[in-house]
Each structure stands twice: as C-alpha cells, then as structure tokens.
C-alpha cells in the first residue's frame, strides 16, 4: 500500500489529536502545581479554568470522530480508492478538526458547530465514495 494524500492527512489528524491534551494539561499544572496535577483528583484543589474543560471536551470529541474517519480512510487506501473528492475531504477534515478544537476551547459556539458539521461532511464523502464503488 502506498502513502496516499488521504493517508498523509490522516497521519496529520492523528498527530494533532494525540497532541491536544498538552494545552489543558499545562494549564492544569499552572493552576494546581505539578504534583497535584499528576495526582488523583482532589476536590479541594482549585477548579480548572473554563477553557480547560472545553479543551478537554474538544479533545474527546476529536477522538470520537477520528474513530469514524480513520477506518474509512484506511478502507479507501486498502481498496485503492483515491479521488480528488477524497483528497479534498481529508484536507478539509484536518482543517475542520483544528478549527473545532481551537474555537471550542475559546468558547465560540456557532463556529464550533459549523466546524463539527464540516468535519462530519468530510467523513461522509469517504463513506459515500466507498459505497458508490461497491454498487
């Protein structure tokens, strides 16, 4: 199997997703200190800032969506399906997920939802393309 553009963007998406914990973890360390942040949760410690909780939820959402997007990209690569639409969808998915994470953490509600919908649409491009190849 060769490294298609879609697989390249999947690697970028997965890499970005694995790094999304860093900002909110650093913020927790700054708020609570290193050892308390690394310990079990303690209700007597200061709460995380609101953006930290939003970043954690955005990270969780990125993981949930990657669980749907990644298999479709892998199936496309394994079956030799690569079209201009799937290449564009892979790029769009990466951009949408980065925007989603940033605006979710920043607390921008409408743009967050639009970014989510764009990412979902990019995922559907893969599903529709693959299903079209089967028919």
N, C-alpha and C. Protein backbone atom coordinates (compact mmCIF):
# COMPACT_ATOMS: atom_id res chain seq x y z
N UNK A 1 0.86 -1.18 0.00
CA UNK A 1 0.00 0.00 0.00
C UNK A 1 0.90 1.24 0.00
N UNK A 2 0.57 2.18 -0.83
CA UNK A 2 1.36 3.41 -0.90
C UNK A 2 0.73 4.48 0.00
N UNK A 3 1.56 5.45 0.35
CA UNK A 3 1.08 6.55 1.19
C UNK A 3 0.34 7.55 0.31
N UNK A 4 -0.96 7.47 0.34
CA UNK A 4 -1.79 8.39 -0.44
C UNK A 4 -1.88 9.72 0.28
N UNK A 5 -2.40 10.71 -0.43
CA UNK A 5 -2.64 12.01 0.21
C UNK A 5 -3.60 11.88 1.37
N UNK A 6 -4.60 11.02 1.21
CA UNK A 6 -5.58 10.81 2.28
C UNK A 6 -4.91 10.23 3.53
N UNK A 7 -4.02 9.27 3.32
CA UNK A 7 -3.30 8.70 4.47
C UNK A 7 -2.38 9.72 5.11
N UNK A 8 -1.75 10.55 4.30
CA UNK A 8 -0.89 11.62 4.83
C UNK A 8 -1.70 12.53 5.75
N UNK A 9 -2.88 12.94 5.29
CA UNK A 9 -3.70 13.82 6.13
C UNK A 9 -4.25 13.08 7.35
N UNK A 10 -4.48 11.79 7.22
CA UNK A 10 -4.89 11.00 8.39
C UNK A 10 -3.78 10.99 9.44
N UNK A 11 -2.54 10.87 9.00
CA UNK A 11 -1.41 10.93 9.95
C UNK A 11 -1.37 12.29 10.63
N UNK A 12 -1.60 13.35 9.88
CA UNK A 12 -1.61 14.69 10.48
C UNK A 12 -2.76 14.84 11.48
N UNK A 13 -3.93 14.33 11.12
CA UNK A 13 -5.08 14.39 12.03
C UNK A 13 -4.80 13.62 13.31
N UNK A 14 -4.27 12.41 13.16
CA UNK A 14 -3.97 11.59 14.34
C UNK A 14 -2.90 12.26 15.20
N UNK A 15 -1.90 12.85 14.57
CA UNK A 15 -0.84 13.54 15.32
C UNK A 15 -1.40 14.74 16.07
N UNK A 16 -2.24 15.51 15.41
CA UNK A 16 -2.86 16.66 16.08
C UNK A 16 -3.72 16.20 17.25
N UNK A 17 -4.46 15.13 17.04
CA UNK A 17 -5.35 14.62 18.10
C UNK A 17 -4.54 14.15 19.31
N UNK A 18 -3.43 13.49 19.06
CA UNK A 18 -2.63 12.99 20.19
C UNK A 18 -1.99 14.14 20.96
N UNK A 19 -1.81 15.29 20.32
CA UNK A 19 -1.18 16.43 20.98
C UNK A 19 -2.19 17.37 21.68
N UNK A 20 -3.46 17.16 21.47
CA UNK A 20 -4.47 18.07 22.00
C UNK A 20 -4.54 18.10 23.52
N UNK A 21 -3.98 17.13 24.20
CA UNK A 21 -4.00 17.11 25.66
C UNK A 21 -3.00 18.10 26.25
N UNK A 22 -2.00 18.50 25.48
CA UNK A 22 -0.91 19.31 26.04
C UNK A 22 -1.38 20.65 26.59
N UNK A 23 -2.15 21.47 25.84
CA UNK A 23 -2.55 22.77 26.41
C UNK A 23 -3.32 22.66 27.72
N UNK A 24 -4.29 21.76 27.78
CA UNK A 24 -5.08 21.71 29.01
C UNK A 24 -4.33 21.05 30.16
N UNK A 25 -3.39 20.19 29.86
CA UNK A 25 -2.57 19.62 30.93
C UNK A 25 -1.60 20.66 31.49
N UNK A 26 -0.99 21.43 30.62
CA UNK A 26 -0.10 22.51 31.08
C UNK A 26 -0.88 23.54 31.91
N UNK A 27 -2.09 23.84 31.48
CA UNK A 27 -2.92 24.79 32.25
C UNK A 27 -3.24 24.23 33.63
N UNK A 28 -3.52 22.94 33.70
CA UNK A 28 -3.80 22.32 35.00
C UNK A 28 -2.57 22.38 35.89
N UNK A 29 -1.39 22.16 35.32
CA UNK A 29 -0.15 22.25 36.10
C UNK A 29 0.05 23.68 36.60
N UNK A 30 -0.24 24.66 35.75
CA UNK A 30 -0.09 26.06 36.15
C UNK A 30 -1.09 26.43 37.25
N UNK A 31 -2.28 25.88 37.18
CA UNK A 31 -3.33 26.19 38.17
C UNK A 31 -3.10 25.48 39.49
N UNK A 32 -2.71 24.21 39.44
CA UNK A 32 -2.64 23.38 40.64
C UNK A 32 -1.24 23.07 41.11
N UNK A 33 -0.26 23.18 40.22
CA UNK A 33 1.09 22.74 40.54
C UNK A 33 1.35 21.37 39.93
N UNK A 34 2.61 21.03 39.76
CA UNK A 34 2.97 19.80 39.07
C UNK A 34 2.47 18.55 39.78
N UNK A 35 2.82 18.37 41.03
CA UNK A 35 2.46 17.12 41.72
C UNK A 35 0.95 16.96 41.89
N UNK A 36 0.22 18.00 42.30
CA UNK A 36 -1.23 17.82 42.38
C UNK A 36 -1.87 17.52 41.02
N UNK A 37 -1.32 18.10 39.95
CA UNK A 37 -1.87 17.83 38.62
C UNK A 37 -1.62 16.39 38.20
N UNK A 38 -0.54 15.81 38.68
CA UNK A 38 -0.21 14.43 38.33
C UNK A 38 -0.85 13.42 39.28
N UNK A 39 -1.43 13.90 40.36
CA UNK A 39 -2.04 13.01 41.36
C UNK A 39 -3.49 12.73 41.01
N UNK A 40 -4.12 11.93 41.87
CA UNK A 40 -5.55 11.68 41.71
C UNK A 40 -6.32 12.97 41.94
N UNK A 41 -7.49 13.11 41.33
CA UNK A 41 -8.28 14.33 41.52
C UNK A 41 -8.56 14.61 42.99
N UNK A 42 -8.43 15.85 43.36
CA UNK A 42 -8.67 16.28 44.74
C UNK A 42 -9.64 17.45 44.68
N UNK A 43 -10.86 17.28 45.22
CA UNK A 43 -11.86 18.34 45.14
C UNK A 43 -11.47 19.62 45.88
N UNK A 44 -10.47 19.56 46.75
CA UNK A 44 -10.07 20.77 47.48
C UNK A 44 -9.15 21.66 46.65
N UNK A 45 -8.67 21.16 45.52
CA UNK A 45 -7.78 21.96 44.67
C UNK A 45 -8.61 22.93 43.83
N UNK A 46 -7.97 24.00 43.35
CA UNK A 46 -8.72 24.97 42.53
C UNK A 46 -9.27 24.31 41.26
N UNK A 47 -10.44 24.75 40.83
CA UNK A 47 -11.01 24.18 39.60
C UNK A 47 -10.21 24.64 38.38
N UNK A 48 -10.32 23.86 37.33
CA UNK A 48 -9.69 24.26 36.08
C UNK A 48 -10.41 25.46 35.50
N UNK A 49 -9.69 26.31 34.76
CA UNK A 49 -10.38 27.39 34.05
C UNK A 49 -11.39 26.81 33.06
N UNK A 50 -12.39 27.58 32.70
CA UNK A 50 -13.45 27.10 31.81
C UNK A 50 -12.89 26.62 30.47
N UNK A 51 -11.90 27.32 29.94
CA UNK A 51 -11.36 26.92 28.63
C UNK A 51 -10.69 25.55 28.70
N UNK A 52 -10.16 25.19 29.87
CA UNK A 52 -9.50 23.89 30.02
C UNK A 52 -10.54 22.77 29.89
N UNK A 53 -11.68 22.95 30.54
CA UNK A 53 -12.73 21.94 30.42
C UNK A 53 -13.24 21.86 28.99
N UNK A 54 -13.36 23.01 28.32
CA UNK A 54 -13.80 22.98 26.92
C UNK A 54 -12.76 22.29 26.04
N UNK A 55 -11.48 22.53 26.29
CA UNK A 55 -10.42 21.88 25.51
C UNK A 55 -10.44 20.36 25.74
N UNK A 56 -10.70 19.94 26.95
CA UNK A 56 -10.80 18.50 27.23
C UNK A 56 -11.96 17.89 26.47
N UNK A 57 -13.09 18.58 26.45
CA UNK A 57 -14.25 18.07 25.71
C UNK A 57 -13.98 18.06 24.21
N UNK A 58 -13.30 19.09 23.71
CA UNK A 58 -12.95 19.14 22.28
C UNK A 58 -12.02 17.99 21.91
N UNK A 59 -11.08 17.68 22.80
CA UNK A 59 -10.16 16.56 22.57
C UNK A 59 -10.94 15.25 22.52
N UNK A 60 -11.84 15.07 23.47
CA UNK A 60 -12.67 13.86 23.46
C UNK A 60 -13.49 13.74 22.19
N UNK A 61 -14.04 14.86 21.75
CA UNK A 61 -14.81 14.87 20.52
C UNK A 61 -13.94 14.52 19.32
N UNK A 62 -12.71 15.01 19.31
CA UNK A 62 -11.78 14.69 18.21
C UNK A 62 -11.48 13.20 18.17
N UNK A 63 -11.31 12.59 19.33
CA UNK A 63 -11.05 11.16 19.39
C UNK A 63 -12.27 10.38 18.88
N UNK A 64 -13.45 10.78 19.32
CA UNK A 64 -14.67 10.09 18.89
C UNK A 64 -14.85 10.17 17.38
N UNK A 65 -14.57 11.31 16.80
CA UNK A 65 -14.75 11.47 15.36
C UNK A 65 -13.65 10.78 14.57
N UNK A 66 -12.45 10.73 15.13
CA UNK A 66 -11.35 10.02 14.48
C UNK A 66 -11.66 8.53 14.37
N UNK A 67 -12.40 8.01 15.34
CA UNK A 67 -12.77 6.59 15.32
C UNK A 67 -13.67 6.25 14.15
N UNK A 68 -14.33 7.23 13.57
CA UNK A 68 -15.17 7.01 12.39
C UNK A 68 -14.39 7.35 11.12
N UNK A 69 -13.67 8.45 11.14
CA UNK A 69 -12.94 8.93 9.96
C UNK A 69 -11.80 7.99 9.58
N UNK A 70 -10.99 7.59 10.53
CA UNK A 70 -9.80 6.80 10.24
C UNK A 70 -10.10 5.48 9.52
N UNK A 71 -11.07 4.68 9.98
CA UNK A 71 -11.33 3.43 9.26
C UNK A 71 -11.76 3.65 7.82
N UNK A 72 -12.53 4.71 7.57
CA UNK A 72 -12.95 4.99 6.20
C UNK A 72 -11.76 5.35 5.31
N UNK A 73 -10.84 6.14 5.85
CA UNK A 73 -9.63 6.48 5.08
C UNK A 73 -8.80 5.23 4.84
N UNK A 74 -8.68 4.39 5.84
CA UNK A 74 -7.90 3.15 5.69
C UNK A 74 -8.55 2.20 4.68
N UNK A 75 -9.85 2.08 4.72
CA UNK A 75 -10.55 1.23 3.75
C UNK A 75 -10.34 1.77 2.34
N UNK A 76 -10.43 3.08 2.19
CA UNK A 76 -10.20 3.69 0.88
C UNK A 76 -8.79 3.37 0.38
N UNK A 77 -7.81 3.48 1.26
CA UNK A 77 -6.43 3.20 0.87
C UNK A 77 -6.25 1.73 0.52
N UNK A 78 -6.83 0.85 1.31
CA UNK A 78 -6.69 -0.59 1.07
C UNK A 78 -7.36 -1.03 -0.23
N UNK A 79 -8.42 -0.35 -0.60
CA UNK A 79 -9.15 -0.71 -1.81
C UNK A 79 -8.71 0.11 -3.02
N UNK A 80 -7.74 0.99 -2.83
CA UNK A 80 -7.23 1.79 -3.94
C UNK A 80 -8.13 2.93 -4.36
N UNK A 81 -9.01 3.36 -3.46
CA UNK A 81 -9.92 4.46 -3.77
C UNK A 81 -9.26 5.77 -3.37
N UNK A 82 -8.98 6.60 -4.35
CA UNK A 82 -8.44 7.94 -4.11
C UNK A 82 -8.93 8.82 -5.25
N UNK A 83 -9.74 9.79 -4.90
CA UNK A 83 -10.31 10.69 -5.89
C UNK A 83 -10.00 12.12 -5.46
N UNK A 84 -10.16 13.07 -6.36
CA UNK A 84 -10.00 14.47 -5.94
C UNK A 84 -10.92 14.82 -4.76
N UNK A 85 -12.11 14.22 -4.75
CA UNK A 85 -13.04 14.50 -3.66
C UNK A 85 -12.54 13.95 -2.32
N UNK A 86 -11.95 12.76 -2.31
CA UNK A 86 -11.46 12.20 -1.06
C UNK A 86 -10.20 12.92 -0.57
N UNK A 87 -9.36 13.35 -1.51
CA UNK A 87 -8.18 14.14 -1.12
C UNK A 87 -8.64 15.45 -0.49
N UNK A 88 -9.59 16.13 -1.13
CA UNK A 88 -10.11 17.38 -0.59
C UNK A 88 -10.78 17.15 0.77
N UNK A 89 -11.54 16.06 0.88
CA UNK A 89 -12.24 15.76 2.13
C UNK A 89 -11.25 15.52 3.27
N UNK A 90 -10.15 14.85 2.97
CA UNK A 90 -9.14 14.59 4.00
C UNK A 90 -8.51 15.90 4.48
N UNK A 91 -8.18 16.79 3.54
CA UNK A 91 -7.63 18.11 3.91
C UNK A 91 -8.66 18.89 4.73
N UNK A 92 -9.89 18.87 4.24
CA UNK A 92 -10.96 19.62 4.91
C UNK A 92 -11.20 19.10 6.32
N UNK A 93 -11.14 17.78 6.49
CA UNK A 93 -11.34 17.19 7.81
C UNK A 93 -10.27 17.68 8.78
N UNK A 94 -9.01 17.68 8.33
CA UNK A 94 -7.92 18.17 9.18
C UNK A 94 -8.19 19.61 9.61
N UNK A 95 -8.50 20.47 8.66
CA UNK A 95 -8.75 21.88 8.97
C UNK A 95 -9.94 22.02 9.91
N UNK A 96 -11.01 21.29 9.61
CA UNK A 96 -12.22 21.38 10.44
C UNK A 96 -11.95 20.96 11.87
N UNK A 97 -11.17 19.88 12.06
CA UNK A 97 -10.90 19.41 13.42
C UNK A 97 -10.01 20.38 14.18
N UNK A 98 -9.04 21.01 13.50
CA UNK A 98 -8.19 22.00 14.17
C UNK A 98 -9.00 23.24 14.56
N UNK A 99 -9.84 23.68 13.63
CA UNK A 99 -10.71 24.83 13.94
C UNK A 99 -11.65 24.47 15.08
N UNK A 100 -12.24 23.29 15.03
CA UNK A 100 -13.17 22.86 16.08
C UNK A 100 -12.50 22.91 17.45
N UNK A 101 -11.30 22.35 17.54
CA UNK A 101 -10.60 22.32 18.83
C UNK A 101 -10.34 23.75 19.33
N UNK A 102 -9.83 24.60 18.47
CA UNK A 102 -9.47 25.95 18.89
C UNK A 102 -10.68 26.77 19.29
N UNK A 103 -11.74 26.74 18.48
CA UNK A 103 -12.90 27.57 18.81
C UNK A 103 -13.71 26.98 19.95
N UNK A 104 -13.68 25.66 20.11
CA UNK A 104 -14.36 25.05 21.26
C UNK A 104 -13.64 25.49 22.53
N UNK A 105 -12.32 25.40 22.55
CA UNK A 105 -11.56 25.81 23.73
C UNK A 105 -11.76 27.28 24.02
N UNK A 106 -11.88 28.08 22.96
CA UNK A 106 -12.07 29.52 23.13
C UNK A 106 -13.51 29.88 23.51
N UNK A 107 -14.43 28.94 23.37
CA UNK A 107 -15.82 29.20 23.74
C UNK A 107 -16.64 29.89 22.66
N UNK A 108 -16.31 29.63 21.40
CA UNK A 108 -17.04 30.24 20.28
C UNK A 108 -18.07 29.22 19.78
N UNK A 109 -19.35 29.36 20.16
CA UNK A 109 -20.31 28.29 19.92
C UNK A 109 -20.69 28.04 18.45
N UNK A 110 -21.04 29.03 17.69
CA UNK A 110 -21.56 28.80 16.34
C UNK A 110 -20.47 28.26 15.41
N UNK A 111 -19.30 28.84 15.47
CA UNK A 111 -18.19 28.39 14.63
C UNK A 111 -17.81 26.96 15.01
N UNK A 112 -17.87 26.66 16.29
CA UNK A 112 -17.59 25.29 16.75
C UNK A 112 -18.52 24.29 16.08
N UNK A 113 -19.80 24.60 16.06
CA UNK A 113 -20.78 23.70 15.45
C UNK A 113 -20.56 23.59 13.95
N UNK A 114 -20.28 24.70 13.30
CA UNK A 114 -20.01 24.66 11.85
C UNK A 114 -18.78 23.82 11.54
N UNK A 115 -17.74 23.95 12.34
CA UNK A 115 -16.53 23.15 12.13
C UNK A 115 -16.84 21.67 12.31
N UNK A 116 -17.65 21.34 13.29
CA UNK A 116 -18.04 19.95 13.51
C UNK A 116 -18.79 19.41 12.30
N UNK A 117 -19.73 20.19 11.79
CA UNK A 117 -20.54 19.76 10.64
C UNK A 117 -19.66 19.58 9.40
N UNK A 118 -18.71 20.48 9.19
CA UNK A 118 -17.80 20.35 8.06
C UNK A 118 -16.98 19.06 8.18
N UNK A 119 -16.48 18.76 9.37
CA UNK A 119 -15.74 17.52 9.58
C UNK A 119 -16.61 16.29 9.33
N UNK A 120 -17.86 16.34 9.78
CA UNK A 120 -18.78 15.23 9.55
C UNK A 120 -19.06 15.06 8.06
N UNK A 121 -19.22 16.18 7.36
CA UNK A 121 -19.45 16.12 5.91
C UNK A 121 -18.24 15.52 5.19
N UNK A 122 -17.04 15.88 5.63
CA UNK A 122 -15.83 15.32 5.03
C UNK A 122 -15.78 13.81 5.24
N UNK A 123 -16.20 13.37 6.41
CA UNK A 123 -16.25 11.93 6.69
C UNK A 123 -17.27 11.25 5.78
N UNK A 124 -18.40 11.89 5.58
CA UNK A 124 -19.43 11.32 4.71
C UNK A 124 -18.97 11.21 3.26
N UNK A 125 -18.08 12.10 2.83
CA UNK A 125 -17.54 12.00 1.47
C UNK A 125 -16.86 10.65 1.29
N UNK A 126 -16.10 10.24 2.29
CA UNK A 126 -15.44 8.93 2.22
C UNK A 126 -16.47 7.80 2.19
N UNK A 127 -17.46 7.87 3.06
CA UNK A 127 -18.47 6.82 3.12
C UNK A 127 -19.22 6.71 1.80
N UNK A 128 -19.65 7.82 1.27
CA UNK A 128 -20.41 7.83 0.01
C UNK A 128 -19.53 7.34 -1.14
N UNK A 129 -18.29 7.79 -1.19
CA UNK A 129 -17.39 7.35 -2.25
C UNK A 129 -17.16 5.85 -2.20
N UNK A 130 -16.94 5.33 -1.01
CA UNK A 130 -16.73 3.88 -0.86
C UNK A 130 -17.98 3.09 -1.21
N UNK A 131 -19.13 3.55 -0.74
CA UNK A 131 -20.37 2.86 -1.05
C UNK A 131 -20.68 2.92 -2.55
N UNK A 132 -20.32 4.00 -3.18
CA UNK A 132 -20.53 4.14 -4.62
C UNK A 132 -19.67 3.14 -5.39
N UNK A 133 -18.48 2.87 -4.89
CA UNK A 133 -17.56 1.91 -5.54
C UNK A 133 -18.07 0.48 -5.41
N UNK A 134 -18.81 0.22 -4.33
CA UNK A 134 -19.32 -1.12 -4.09
C UNK A 134 -20.50 -1.40 -5.04
N UNK A 135 -21.32 -0.40 -5.24
CA UNK A 135 -22.55 -0.56 -6.05
C UNK A 135 -22.27 -0.74 -7.52
